[in-house]
């Protein structure tokens, strides 16, 4: 399924690492990735021993599920062909059919659906008009509020996006949409609060997201809450969250659908280990910081990422 590609990302200090193509075959690479994750799990255990046994994980982890605009398609049987076109990426054909459907029998869901298609092709003003029409017809349409929040985020209207996500949360609590969960909505509001530097609000939203029982826990939620804790100066909680993020990744990486996805998740884990190391140094925990960097180095080796290998090795040498 096609993911939302253009939504403004929340600013993060994480440096994106572009992994080089592995020098081995696909099967050899897969064998290597599992070996290095075994090593990583050993370092995680060592980290817990050094930090102390008092830091227990409060929430079980589950495979992350990414909300896509295709997944937001409304379950109206009479527009099944439109849904198929949206999933296939044939936006122009989908919009043509939706134009006819809206003309014949306009509904809040149809307007929201067409707005999603317009948003995908960059027709933002038409998308906004459709989302507005959807909300005018049904003030409890959580998906329409969520969609408009995504659009306002693309347009960098962050205050308006925050109002919309608040309304989406309220509507979802009264008239739930099957495709949305309170967990994901809280996480989305946490991202907006993080972007607006409302650190306490972001931490509260991510905590609410993790506390929900529906939906799946994302490693990103732990990592982004760690950014909020770091900004607030609570390094201990930030370290725990980075460790939790790595744990979630280690549990879901074997189920990743492609080598590209495994590399992306591994690069994220490498960045989380480096951030954890920096915070451990702030707390004067040199041995734990070194353990984090050795874990990051193991990932860089598995990814055949020489740039990261050299950078991390220099940091380890500095600690020695």
C-alpha atoms as a PDB file:
ATOM      1  CA  UNK A   1       0.000   0.000   0.000  1.00  0.00           C
ATOM      2  CA  UNK A   2       1.125   3.519  -0.720  1.00  0.00           C
ATOM      3  CA  UNK A   3       2.142   5.453   2.378  1.00  0.00           C
ATOM      4  CA  UNK A   4       1.665   9.142   2.982  1.00  0.00           C
ATOM      5  CA  UNK A   5       4.934  10.551   1.668  1.00  0.00           C
ATOM      6  CA  UNK A   6       4.685  14.292   1.930  1.00  0.00           C
ATOM      7  CA  UNK A   7       3.454  14.913   5.453  1.00  0.00           C
ATOM      8  CA  UNK A   8       5.861  17.234   7.264  1.00  0.00           C
ATOM      9  CA  UNK A   9       8.067  15.211   9.563  1.00  0.00           C
ATOM     10  CA  UNK A  10       8.627  16.281  13.117  1.00  0.00           C
ATOM     11  CA  UNK A  11      12.105  17.641  13.570  1.00  0.00           C
ATOM     12  CA  UNK A  12      14.504  15.198  15.138  1.00  0.00           C
ATOM     13  CA  UNK A  13      18.199  15.198  15.910  1.00  0.00           C
ATOM     14  CA  UNK A  14      18.450  11.732  14.353  1.00  0.00           C
ATOM     15  CA  UNK A  15      20.805  11.743  11.362  1.00  0.00           C
ATOM     16  CA  UNK A  16      19.535   9.647   8.485  1.00  0.00           C
ATOM     17  CA  UNK A  17      22.080   7.057   7.508  1.00  0.00           C
ATOM     18  CA  UNK A  18      22.028   5.866   3.918  1.00  0.00           C
ATOM     19  CA  UNK A  19      23.077   2.246   3.961  1.00  0.00           C
ATOM     20  CA  UNK A  20      25.252   0.961   1.193  1.00  0.00           C
ATOM     21  CA  UNK A  21      24.273  -2.108  -0.751  1.00  0.00           C
ATOM     22  CA  UNK A  22      25.430  -5.204   1.101  1.00  0.00           C
ATOM     23  CA  UNK A  23      28.367  -6.932  -0.457  1.00  0.00           C
ATOM     24  CA  UNK A  24      26.826 -10.326   0.039  1.00  0.00           C
ATOM     25  CA  UNK A  25      23.827 -12.130  -1.397  1.00  0.00           C
ATOM     26  CA  UNK A  26      20.329 -11.624   0.012  1.00  0.00           C
ATOM     27  CA  UNK A  27      20.444 -14.878   1.993  1.00  0.00           C
ATOM     28  CA  UNK A  28      23.871 -14.114   3.426  1.00  0.00           C
ATOM     29  CA  UNK A  29      22.721 -10.652   4.396  1.00  0.00           C
ATOM     30  CA  UNK A  30      19.662 -12.075   6.139  1.00  0.00           C
ATOM     31  CA  UNK A  31      21.892 -14.458   8.099  1.00  0.00           C
ATOM     32  CA  UNK A  32      24.151 -11.548   9.065  1.00  0.00           C
ATOM     33  CA  UNK A  33      21.276  -9.343  10.195  1.00  0.00           C
ATOM     34  CA  UNK A  34      20.001 -11.976  12.597  1.00  0.00           C
ATOM     35  CA  UNK A  35      23.493 -12.579  13.998  1.00  0.00           C
ATOM     36  CA  UNK A  36      24.077  -8.914  14.699  1.00  0.00           C
ATOM     37  CA  UNK A  37      20.651  -8.566  16.320  1.00  0.00           C
ATOM     38  CA  UNK A  38      21.633 -11.398  18.663  1.00  0.00           C
ATOM     39  CA  UNK A  39      24.693  -9.325  19.545  1.00  0.00           C
ATOM     40  CA  UNK A  40      22.529  -6.241  20.014  1.00  0.00           C
ATOM     41  CA  UNK A  41      20.206  -8.038  22.408  1.00  0.00           C
ATOM     42  CA  UNK A  42      23.256  -9.053  24.438  1.00  0.00           C
ATOM     43  CA  UNK A  43      24.295  -5.392  24.694  1.00  0.00           C
ATOM     44  CA  UNK A  44      20.762  -4.424  25.730  1.00  0.00           C
ATOM     45  CA  UNK A  45      20.918  -6.935  28.563  1.00  0.00           C
ATOM     46  CA  UNK A  46      24.293  -5.568  29.619  1.00  0.00           C
ATOM     47  CA  UNK A  47      22.893  -2.048  29.540  1.00  0.00           C
ATOM     48  CA  UNK A  48      20.072  -3.000  31.879  1.00  0.00           C
ATOM     49  CA  UNK A  49      22.543  -4.584  34.283  1.00  0.00           C
ATOM     50  CA  UNK A  50      24.653  -1.430  34.374  1.00  0.00           C
ATOM     51  CA  UNK A  51      21.722   0.930  34.736  1.00  0.00           C
ATOM     52  CA  UNK A  52      19.999  -1.172  37.350  1.00  0.00           C
ATOM     53  CA  UNK A  53      17.050  -3.500  37.490  1.00  0.00           C
ATOM     54  CA  UNK A  54      14.581  -0.841  38.560  1.00  0.00           C
ATOM     55  CA  UNK A  55      13.735   0.277  35.048  1.00  0.00           C
ATOM     56  CA  UNK A  56      11.031  -2.140  33.903  1.00  0.00           C
ATOM     57  CA  UNK A  57       9.089  -1.801  30.665  1.00  0.00           C
ATOM     58  CA  UNK A  58       5.499  -0.944  31.414  1.00  0.00           C
ATOM     59  CA  UNK A  59       3.992  -1.699  28.038  1.00  0.00           C
ATOM     60  CA  UNK A  60       4.188  -4.740  25.749  1.00  0.00           C
ATOM     61  CA  UNK A  61       5.360  -4.038  22.223  1.00  0.00           C
ATOM     62  CA  UNK A  62       3.561  -4.945  19.044  1.00  0.00           C
ATOM     63  CA  UNK A  63       4.282  -4.618  15.376  1.00  0.00           C
ATOM     64  CA  UNK A  64       4.027  -1.047  14.178  1.00  0.00           C
ATOM     65  CA  UNK A  65       1.175  -0.284  11.803  1.00  0.00           C
ATOM     66  CA  UNK A  66       1.460   2.814   9.627  1.00  0.00           C
ATOM     67  CA  UNK A  67      -1.763   4.617   8.733  1.00  0.00           C
ATOM     68  CA  UNK A  68      -1.864   5.221   4.995  1.00  0.00           C
ATOM     69  CA  UNK A  69      -4.308   7.284   3.028  1.00  0.00           C
ATOM     70  CA  UNK A  70      -5.412   4.129   1.244  1.00  0.00           C
ATOM     71  CA  UNK A  71      -6.271   2.626   4.631  1.00  0.00           C
ATOM     72  CA  UNK A  72      -8.486   5.615   5.337  1.00  0.00           C
ATOM     73  CA  UNK A  73     -10.714   4.792   2.385  1.00  0.00           C
ATOM     74  CA  UNK A  74     -14.311   4.531   3.550  1.00  0.00           C
ATOM     75  CA  UNK A  75     -16.031   1.128   3.450  1.00  0.00           C
ATOM     76  CA  UNK A  76     -18.825   2.151   1.051  1.00  0.00           C
ATOM     77  CA  UNK A  77     -19.620  -0.860  -1.121  1.00  0.00           C
ATOM     78  CA  UNK A  78     -20.841   1.250  -4.032  1.00  0.00           C
ATOM     79  CA  UNK A  79     -17.439   2.860  -4.493  1.00  0.00           C
ATOM     80  CA  UNK A  80     -15.367  -0.328  -4.300  1.00  0.00           C
ATOM     81  CA  UNK A  81     -13.875   0.434  -7.706  1.00  0.00           C
ATOM     82  CA  UNK A  82     -12.801   3.853  -6.455  1.00  0.00           C
ATOM     83  CA  UNK A  83     -11.015   2.280  -3.507  1.00  0.00           C
ATOM     84  CA  UNK A  84      -9.198  -0.074  -5.860  1.00  0.00           C
ATOM     85  CA  UNK A  85      -8.027   2.851  -7.992  1.00  0.00           C
ATOM     86  CA  UNK A  86      -6.807   4.759  -4.931  1.00  0.00           C
ATOM     87  CA  UNK A  87      -4.833   1.785  -3.690  1.00  0.00           C
ATOM     88  CA  UNK A  88      -3.374   1.315  -7.177  1.00  0.00           C
ATOM     89  CA  UNK A  89      -2.388   4.996  -7.267  1.00  0.00           C
ATOM     90  CA  UNK A  90      -4.692   5.875 -10.161  1.00  0.00           C
ATOM     91  CA  UNK A  91      -5.856   9.126  -8.589  1.00  0.00           C
ATOM     92  CA  UNK A  92      -7.215  10.782 -11.720  1.00  0.00           C
ATOM     93  CA  UNK A  93      -9.543   7.878 -12.478  1.00  0.00           C
ATOM     94  CA  UNK A  94     -10.597   7.695  -8.838  1.00  0.00           C
ATOM     95  CA  UNK A  95     -11.434  11.397  -8.775  1.00  0.00           C
ATOM     96  CA  UNK A  96     -13.486  11.081 -11.972  1.00  0.00           C
ATOM     97  CA  UNK A  97     -15.590   8.345 -10.414  1.00  0.00           C
ATOM     98  CA  UNK A  98     -15.902  10.274  -7.165  1.00  0.00           C
ATOM     99  CA  UNK A  99     -17.094  13.338  -9.053  1.00  0.00           C
ATOM    100  CA  UNK A 100     -19.978  11.273 -10.392  1.00  0.00           C
ATOM    101  CA  UNK A 101     -20.683   9.704  -6.990  1.00  0.00           C
ATOM    102  CA  UNK A 102     -20.719  13.087  -5.231  1.00  0.00           C
ATOM    103  CA  UNK A 103     -23.000  14.517  -7.907  1.00  0.00           C
ATOM    104  CA  UNK A 104     -25.452  11.635  -7.554  1.00  0.00           C
ATOM    105  CA  UNK A 105     -25.445  11.234  -3.771  1.00  0.00           C
ATOM    106  CA  UNK A 106     -23.089  13.486  -1.847  1.00  0.00           C
ATOM    107  CA  UNK A 107     -22.021  12.271   1.590  1.00  0.00           C
ATOM    108  CA  UNK A 108     -19.460  13.227   4.211  1.00  0.00           C
ATOM    109  CA  UNK A 109     -17.451  10.076   3.502  1.00  0.00           C
ATOM    110  CA  UNK A 110     -17.402  10.693  -0.244  1.00  0.00           C
ATOM    111  CA  UNK A 111     -16.126  14.239   0.240  1.00  0.00           C
ATOM    112  CA  UNK A 112     -13.426  12.999   2.623  1.00  0.00           C
ATOM    113  CA  UNK A 113     -12.443  10.274   0.176  1.00  0.00           C
ATOM    114  CA  UNK A 114     -12.151  12.686  -2.732  1.00  0.00           C
ATOM    115  CA  UNK A 115     -10.204  15.068  -0.504  1.00  0.00           C
ATOM    116  CA  UNK A 116      -7.683  12.307   0.176  1.00  0.00           C
ATOM    117  CA  UNK A 117      -7.259  11.750  -3.564  1.00  0.00           C
ATOM    118  CA  UNK A 118      -6.795  15.476  -4.209  1.00  0.00           C
ATOM    119  CA  UNK A 119      -4.246  15.666  -1.398  1.00  0.00           C
ATOM    120  CA  UNK A 120      -2.267  12.853  -3.025  1.00  0.00           C
ATOM    121  CA  UNK A 121      -1.893  14.717  -6.316  1.00  0.00           C
ATOM    122  CA  UNK A 122      -1.061  18.035  -4.640  1.00  0.00           C
ATOM    123  CA  UNK A 123      -4.401  19.752  -5.275  1.00  0.00           C
ATOM    124  CA  UNK A 124      -4.424  21.083  -1.729  1.00  0.00           C
ATOM    125  CA  UNK A 125      -7.071  23.755  -2.073  1.00  0.00           C
ATOM    126  CA  UNK A 126      -9.520  21.292  -3.630  1.00  0.00           C
ATOM    127  CA  UNK A 127      -8.650  18.795  -0.892  1.00  0.00           C
ATOM    128  CA  UNK A 128      -9.298  21.436   1.766  1.00  0.00           C
ATOM    129  CA  UNK A 129     -12.656  22.319   0.213  1.00  0.00           C
ATOM    130  CA  UNK A 130     -13.697  18.658   0.257  1.00  0.00           C
ATOM    131  CA  UNK A 131     -12.587  18.129   3.852  1.00  0.00           C
ATOM    132  CA  UNK A 132     -14.514  21.256   4.839  1.00  0.00           C
ATOM    133  CA  UNK A 133     -17.602  19.928   3.062  1.00  0.00           C
ATOM    134  CA  UNK A 134     -17.227  16.553   4.784  1.00  0.00           C
ATOM    135  CA  UNK A 135     -17.069  18.209   8.198  1.00  0.00           C
ATOM    136  CA  UNK A 136     -19.993  20.515   7.417  1.00  0.00           C
ATOM    137  CA  UNK A 137     -22.111  17.479   6.571  1.00  0.00           C
ATOM    138  CA  UNK A 138     -20.946  15.471   9.593  1.00  0.00           C
ATOM    139  CA  UNK A 139     -19.299  17.284  12.490  1.00  0.00           C
ATOM    140  CA  UNK A 140     -18.393  13.911  14.029  1.00  0.00           C
ATOM    141  CA  UNK A 141     -16.449  12.554  11.060  1.00  0.00           C
ATOM    142  CA  UNK A 142     -13.145  11.732  12.776  1.00  0.00           C
ATOM    143  CA  UNK A 143     -11.451  10.734   9.511  1.00  0.00           C
ATOM    144  CA  UNK A 144     -12.287  14.066   7.868  1.00  0.00           C
ATOM    145  CA  UNK A 145     -10.761  15.936  10.826  1.00  0.00           C
ATOM    146  CA  UNK A 146      -7.725  13.641  10.730  1.00  0.00           C
ATOM    147  CA  UNK A 147      -7.317  14.139   6.980  1.00  0.00           C
ATOM    148  CA  UNK A 148      -7.568  17.907   7.326  1.00  0.00           C
ATOM    149  CA  UNK A 149      -4.967  17.771  10.092  1.00  0.00           C
ATOM    150  CA  UNK A 150      -2.607  15.948   7.719  1.00  0.00           C
ATOM    151  CA  UNK A 151      -3.272  18.552   5.046  1.00  0.00           C
ATOM    152  CA  UNK A 152      -2.682  21.470   7.413  1.00  0.00           C
ATOM    153  CA  UNK A 153       0.566  19.822   8.479  1.00  0.00           C
ATOM    154  CA  UNK A 154       1.673  19.671   4.832  1.00  0.00           C
ATOM    155  CA  UNK A 155       0.770  23.339   4.502  1.00  0.00           C
ATOM    156  CA  UNK A 156       2.733  24.050   7.715  1.00  0.00           C
ATOM    157  CA  UNK A 157      -0.407  25.364   9.413  1.00  0.00           C
ATOM    158  CA  UNK A 158       0.530  23.593  12.613  1.00  0.00           C
ATOM    159  CA  UNK A 159      -1.839  25.416  14.948  1.00  0.00           C
ATOM    160  CA  UNK A 160      -4.761  24.559  12.641  1.00  0.00           C
ATOM    161  CA  UNK A 161      -3.505  20.976  12.412  1.00  0.00           C
ATOM    162  CA  UNK A 162      -3.490  20.765  16.215  1.00  0.00           C
ATOM    163  CA  UNK A 163      -7.086  22.021  16.398  1.00  0.00           C
ATOM    164  CA  UNK A 164      -8.117  19.413  13.820  1.00  0.00           C
ATOM    165  CA  UNK A 165      -6.406  16.546  15.637  1.00  0.00           C
ATOM    166  CA  UNK A 166      -8.106  17.647  18.865  1.00  0.00           C
ATOM    167  CA  UNK A 167     -11.444  17.500  17.046  1.00  0.00           C
ATOM    168  CA  UNK A 168     -10.539  14.113  15.582  1.00  0.00           C
ATOM    169  CA  UNK A 169      -9.869  12.804  19.095  1.00  0.00           C
ATOM    170  CA  UNK A 170     -13.195  14.177  20.331  1.00  0.00           C
ATOM    171  CA  UNK A 171     -15.115  12.759  17.357  1.00  0.00           C
ATOM    172  CA  UNK A 172     -13.406   9.378  17.644  1.00  0.00           C
ATOM    173  CA  UNK A 173     -14.424   9.096  21.288  1.00  0.00           C
ATOM    174  CA  UNK A 174     -18.075   9.742  20.390  1.00  0.00           C
ATOM    175  CA  UNK A 175     -18.404   8.211  16.918  1.00  0.00           C
ATOM    176  CA  UNK A 176     -15.441   5.852  16.373  1.00  0.00           C
ATOM    177  CA  UNK A 177     -14.147   5.254  12.862  1.00  0.00           C
ATOM    178  CA  UNK A 178     -12.926   1.689  12.467  1.00  0.00           C
ATOM    179  CA  UNK A 179      -9.743   2.647  10.636  1.00  0.00           C
ATOM    180  CA  UNK A 180      -8.588   5.106  13.317  1.00  0.00           C
ATOM    181  CA  UNK A 181      -7.481   4.372  16.880  1.00  0.00           C
ATOM    182  CA  UNK A 182      -7.085   6.649  19.857  1.00  0.00           C
ATOM    183  CA  UNK A 183      -3.526   5.334  20.151  1.00  0.00           C
ATOM    184  CA  UNK A 184      -2.589   6.669  16.704  1.00  0.00           C
ATOM    185  CA  UNK A 185      -4.439   9.937  17.213  1.00  0.00           C
ATOM    186  CA  UNK A 186      -2.623  10.614  20.493  1.00  0.00           C
ATOM    187  CA  UNK A 187       0.673   9.797  18.765  1.00  0.00           C
ATOM    188  CA  UNK A 188      -0.140  12.221  15.942  1.00  0.00           C
ATOM    189  CA  UNK A 189      -0.955  14.983  18.424  1.00  0.00           C
ATOM    190  CA  UNK A 190       2.283  14.169  20.235  1.00  0.00           C
ATOM    191  CA  UNK A 191       4.185  14.787  16.990  1.00  0.00           C
ATOM    192  CA  UNK A 192       2.509  18.150  16.535  1.00  0.00           C
ATOM    193  CA  UNK A 193       3.241  19.166  20.119  1.00  0.00           C
ATOM    194  CA  UNK A 194       6.859  18.089  19.660  1.00  0.00           C
ATOM    195  CA  UNK A 195       7.054  20.223  16.511  1.00  0.00           C
ATOM    196  CA  UNK A 196       5.560  23.165  18.423  1.00  0.00           C
ATOM    197  CA  UNK A 197       8.094  22.590  21.246  1.00  0.00           C
ATOM    198  CA  UNK A 198       5.357  21.858  23.734  1.00  0.00           C
ATOM    199  CA  UNK A 199       7.552  19.233  25.383  1.00  0.00           C
ATOM    200  CA  UNK A 200       5.257  18.409  28.291  1.00  0.00           C
ATOM    201  CA  UNK A 201       2.234  18.156  26.009  1.00  0.00           C
ATOM    202  CA  UNK A 202       4.162  15.868  23.667  1.00  0.00           C
ATOM    203  CA  UNK A 203       5.287  13.577  26.496  1.00  0.00           C
ATOM    204  CA  UNK A 204       1.725  13.409  27.841  1.00  0.00           C
ATOM    205  CA  UNK A 205       0.323  12.522  24.413  1.00  0.00           C
ATOM    206  CA  UNK A 206       2.915   9.824  23.744  1.00  0.00           C
ATOM    207  CA  UNK A 207       2.279   8.393  27.205  1.00  0.00           C
ATOM    208  CA  UNK A 208      -1.459   8.286  26.474  1.00  0.00           C
ATOM    209  CA  UNK A 209      -0.741   6.618  23.137  1.00  0.00           C
ATOM    210  CA  UNK A 210       1.373   3.905  24.761  1.00  0.00           C
ATOM    211  CA  UNK A 211      -1.234   3.338  27.465  1.00  0.00           C
ATOM    212  CA  UNK A 212      -4.015   2.558  25.004  1.00  0.00           C
ATOM    213  CA  UNK A 213      -4.908  -1.073  24.429  1.00  0.00           C
ATOM    214  CA  UNK A 214      -6.085  -0.829  20.816  1.00  0.00           C
ATOM    215  CA  UNK A 215      -3.810  -0.691  17.831  1.00  0.00           C
ATOM    216  CA  UNK A 216      -0.074  -1.361  17.801  1.00  0.00           C
ATOM    217  CA  UNK A 217       2.858   0.240  19.590  1.00  0.00           C
ATOM    218  CA  UNK A 218       5.387   1.978  17.368  1.00  0.00           C
ATOM    219  CA  UNK A 219       9.115   2.276  18.039  1.00  0.00           C
ATOM    220  CA  UNK A 220       8.803   5.871  16.808  1.00  0.00           C
ATOM    221  CA  UNK A 221       6.493   6.746  19.697  1.00  0.00           C
ATOM    222  CA  UNK A 222       9.134   5.686  22.226  1.00  0.00           C
ATOM    223  CA  UNK A 223      11.876   7.495  20.311  1.00  0.00           C
ATOM    224  CA  UNK A 224       9.886  10.712  19.940  1.00  0.00           C
ATOM    225  CA  UNK A 225       8.860  10.674  23.598  1.00  0.00           C
ATOM    226  CA  UNK A 226      12.574  10.311  24.350  1.00  0.00           C
ATOM    227  CA  UNK A 227      13.144  13.586  22.467  1.00  0.00           C
ATOM    228  CA  UNK A 228      10.547  15.255  24.686  1.00  0.00           C
ATOM    229  CA  UNK A 229      12.164  13.883  27.840  1.00  0.00           C
ATOM    230  CA  UNK A 230      15.587  15.014  26.591  1.00  0.00           C
ATOM    231  CA  UNK A 231      14.303  18.552  26.020  1.00  0.00           C
ATOM    232  CA  UNK A 232      12.896  18.512  29.558  1.00  0.00           C
ATOM    233  CA  UNK A 233      16.243  17.330  30.947  1.00  0.00           C
ATOM    234  CA  UNK A 234      14.930  13.943  32.097  1.00  0.00           C
ATOM    235  CA  UNK A 235      17.765  11.912  30.602  1.00  0.00           C
ATOM    236  CA  UNK A 236      17.025   8.745  32.547  1.00  0.00           C
ATOM    237  CA  UNK A 237      13.526   8.402  31.080  1.00  0.00           C
ATOM    238  CA  UNK A 238      14.828   9.331  27.646  1.00  0.00           C
ATOM    239  CA  UNK A 239      17.404   6.514  27.805  1.00  0.00           C
ATOM    240  CA  UNK A 240      14.724   4.041  28.845  1.00  0.00           C
ATOM    241  CA  UNK A 241      12.590   5.085  25.872  1.00  0.00           C
ATOM    242  CA  UNK A 242      15.449   4.706  23.377  1.00  0.00           C
ATOM    243  CA  UNK A 243      16.084   1.230  24.789  1.00  0.00           C
ATOM    244  CA  UNK A 244      12.374   0.449  24.429  1.00  0.00           C
ATOM    245  CA  UNK A 245      12.420   1.664  20.826  1.00  0.00           C
ATOM    246  CA  UNK A 246      15.315  -0.676  20.024  1.00  0.00           C
ATOM    247  CA  UNK A 247      13.516  -3.541  21.727  1.00  0.00           C
ATOM    248  CA  UNK A 248      10.425  -2.993  19.573  1.00  0.00           C
ATOM    249  CA  UNK A 249      12.572  -2.935  16.442  1.00  0.00           C
ATOM    250  CA  UNK A 250      14.398  -6.114  17.454  1.00  0.00           C
ATOM    251  CA  UNK A 251      11.046  -7.874  17.824  1.00  0.00           C
ATOM    252  CA  UNK A 252       9.611  -6.755  14.506  1.00  0.00           C
ATOM    253  CA  UNK A 253      12.645  -6.805  12.231  1.00  0.00           C
ATOM    254  CA  UNK A 254      12.333 -10.504  11.348  1.00  0.00           C
ATOM    255  CA  UNK A 255       8.800  -9.842  10.088  1.00  0.00           C
ATOM    256  CA  UNK A 256       9.908  -6.887   7.932  1.00  0.00           C
ATOM    257  CA  UNK A 257       8.610  -7.395   4.370  1.00  0.00           C
ATOM    258  CA  UNK A 258      11.831  -6.465   2.570  1.00  0.00           C
ATOM    259  CA  UNK A 259      15.561  -5.952   2.927  1.00  0.00           C
ATOM    260  CA  UNK A 260      15.002  -2.215   2.468  1.00  0.00           C
ATOM    261  CA  UNK A 261      12.637  -2.169   5.453  1.00  0.00           C
ATOM    262  CA  UNK A 262      15.110  -4.147   7.580  1.00  0.00           C
ATOM    263  CA  UNK A 263      17.867  -1.693   6.687  1.00  0.00           C
ATOM    264  CA  UNK A 264      15.680   1.295   7.549  1.00  0.00           C
ATOM    265  CA  UNK A 265      14.687  -0.171  10.931  1.00  0.00           C
ATOM    266  CA  UNK A 266      18.301  -1.083  11.646  1.00  0.00           C
ATOM    267  CA  UNK A 267      19.482   2.441  10.793  1.00  0.00           C
ATOM    268  CA  UNK A 268      16.903   3.823  13.210  1.00  0.00           C
ATOM    269  CA  UNK A 269      18.106   1.475  15.944  1.00  0.00           C
ATOM    270  CA  UNK A 270      21.693   2.559  15.311  1.00  0.00           C
ATOM    271  CA  UNK A 271      20.695   6.205  15.756  1.00  0.00           C
ATOM    272  CA  UNK A 272      18.809   5.394  18.980  1.00  0.00           C
ATOM    273  CA  UNK A 273      21.879   3.661  20.420  1.00  0.00           C
ATOM    274  CA  UNK A 274      24.010   6.695  19.607  1.00  0.00           C
ATOM    275  CA  UNK A 275      21.522   9.049  21.251  1.00  0.00           C
ATOM    276  CA  UNK A 276      21.348   6.807  24.303  1.00  0.00           C
ATOM    277  CA  UNK A 277      25.156   6.815  24.481  1.00  0.00           C
ATOM    278  CA  UNK A 278      25.233  10.627  24.439  1.00  0.00           C
ATOM    279  CA  UNK A 279      22.725  10.790  27.295  1.00  0.00           C
ATOM    280  CA  UNK A 280      24.600   8.176  29.318  1.00  0.00           C
ATOM    281  CA  UNK A 281      27.717  10.309  28.994  1.00  0.00           C
ATOM    282  CA  UNK A 282      25.748  13.274  30.346  1.00  0.00           C
ATOM    283  CA  UNK A 283      24.938  11.091  33.348  1.00  0.00           C
ATOM    284  CA  UNK A 284      28.634  10.142  33.635  1.00  0.00           C
ATOM    285  CA  UNK A 285      27.967   6.492  32.765  1.00  0.00           C
ATOM    286  CA  UNK A 286      30.936   5.842  30.518  1.00  0.00           C
ATOM    287  CA  UNK A 287      30.712   2.044  30.494  1.00  0.00           C
ATOM    288  CA  UNK A 288      27.028   2.097  29.507  1.00  0.00           C
ATOM    289  CA  UNK A 289      27.717   4.705  26.821  1.00  0.00           C
ATOM    290  CA  UNK A 290      30.470   2.488  25.415  1.00  0.00           C
ATOM    291  CA  UNK A 291      28.079  -0.488  25.365  1.00  0.00           C
ATOM    292  CA  UNK A 292      25.549   1.609  23.416  1.00  0.00           C
ATOM    293  CA  UNK A 293      28.194   2.656  20.893  1.00  0.00           C
ATOM    294  CA  UNK A 294      29.395  -0.929  20.440  1.00  0.00           C
ATOM    295  CA  UNK A 295      25.796  -1.910  19.666  1.00  0.00           C
ATOM    296  CA  UNK A 296      25.545   0.926  17.148  1.00  0.00           C
ATOM    297  CA  UNK A 297      28.844  -0.181  15.603  1.00  0.00           C
ATOM    298  CA  UNK A 298      27.577  -3.751  15.203  1.00  0.00           C
ATOM    299  CA  UNK A 299      24.599  -2.437  13.238  1.00  0.00           C
ATOM    300  CA  UNK A 300      26.838  -0.272  11.050  1.00  0.00           C
ATOM    301  CA  UNK A 301      28.938  -3.354  10.244  1.00  0.00           C
ATOM    302  CA  UNK A 302      25.848  -5.381   9.317  1.00  0.00           C
ATOM    303  CA  UNK A 303      24.698  -2.539   7.052  1.00  0.00           C
ATOM    304  CA  UNK A 304      28.177  -2.239   5.501  1.00  0.00           C
ATOM    305  CA  UNK A 305      27.948   1.472   6.348  1.00  0.00           C
ATOM    306  CA  UNK A 306      31.595   2.547   6.402  1.00  0.00           C
ATOM    307  CA  UNK A 307      30.856   6.193   7.179  1.00  0.00           C
ATOM    308  CA  UNK A 308      28.941   5.273  10.332  1.00  0.00           C
ATOM    309  CA  UNK A 309      31.506   2.623  11.246  1.00  0.00           C
ATOM    310  CA  UNK A 310      34.300   5.196  11.168  1.00  0.00           C
ATOM    311  CA  UNK A 311      32.307   7.782  13.091  1.00  0.00           C
ATOM    312  CA  UNK A 312      31.230   5.389  15.823  1.00  0.00           C
ATOM    313  CA  UNK A 313      34.690   3.789  16.108  1.00  0.00           C
ATOM    314  CA  UNK A 314      36.164   7.253  16.686  1.00  0.00           C
ATOM    315  CA  UNK A 315      33.635   7.820  19.475  1.00  0.00           C
ATOM    316  CA  UNK A 316      34.527   4.481  21.080  1.00  0.00           C
ATOM    317  CA  UNK A 317      38.239   5.264  20.818  1.00  0.00           C
ATOM    318  CA  UNK A 318      37.560   8.586  22.504  1.00  0.00           C
ATOM    319  CA  UNK A 319      35.958   6.804  25.443  1.00  0.00           C
ATOM    320  CA  UNK A 320      38.945   4.474  25.748  1.00  0.00           C
END
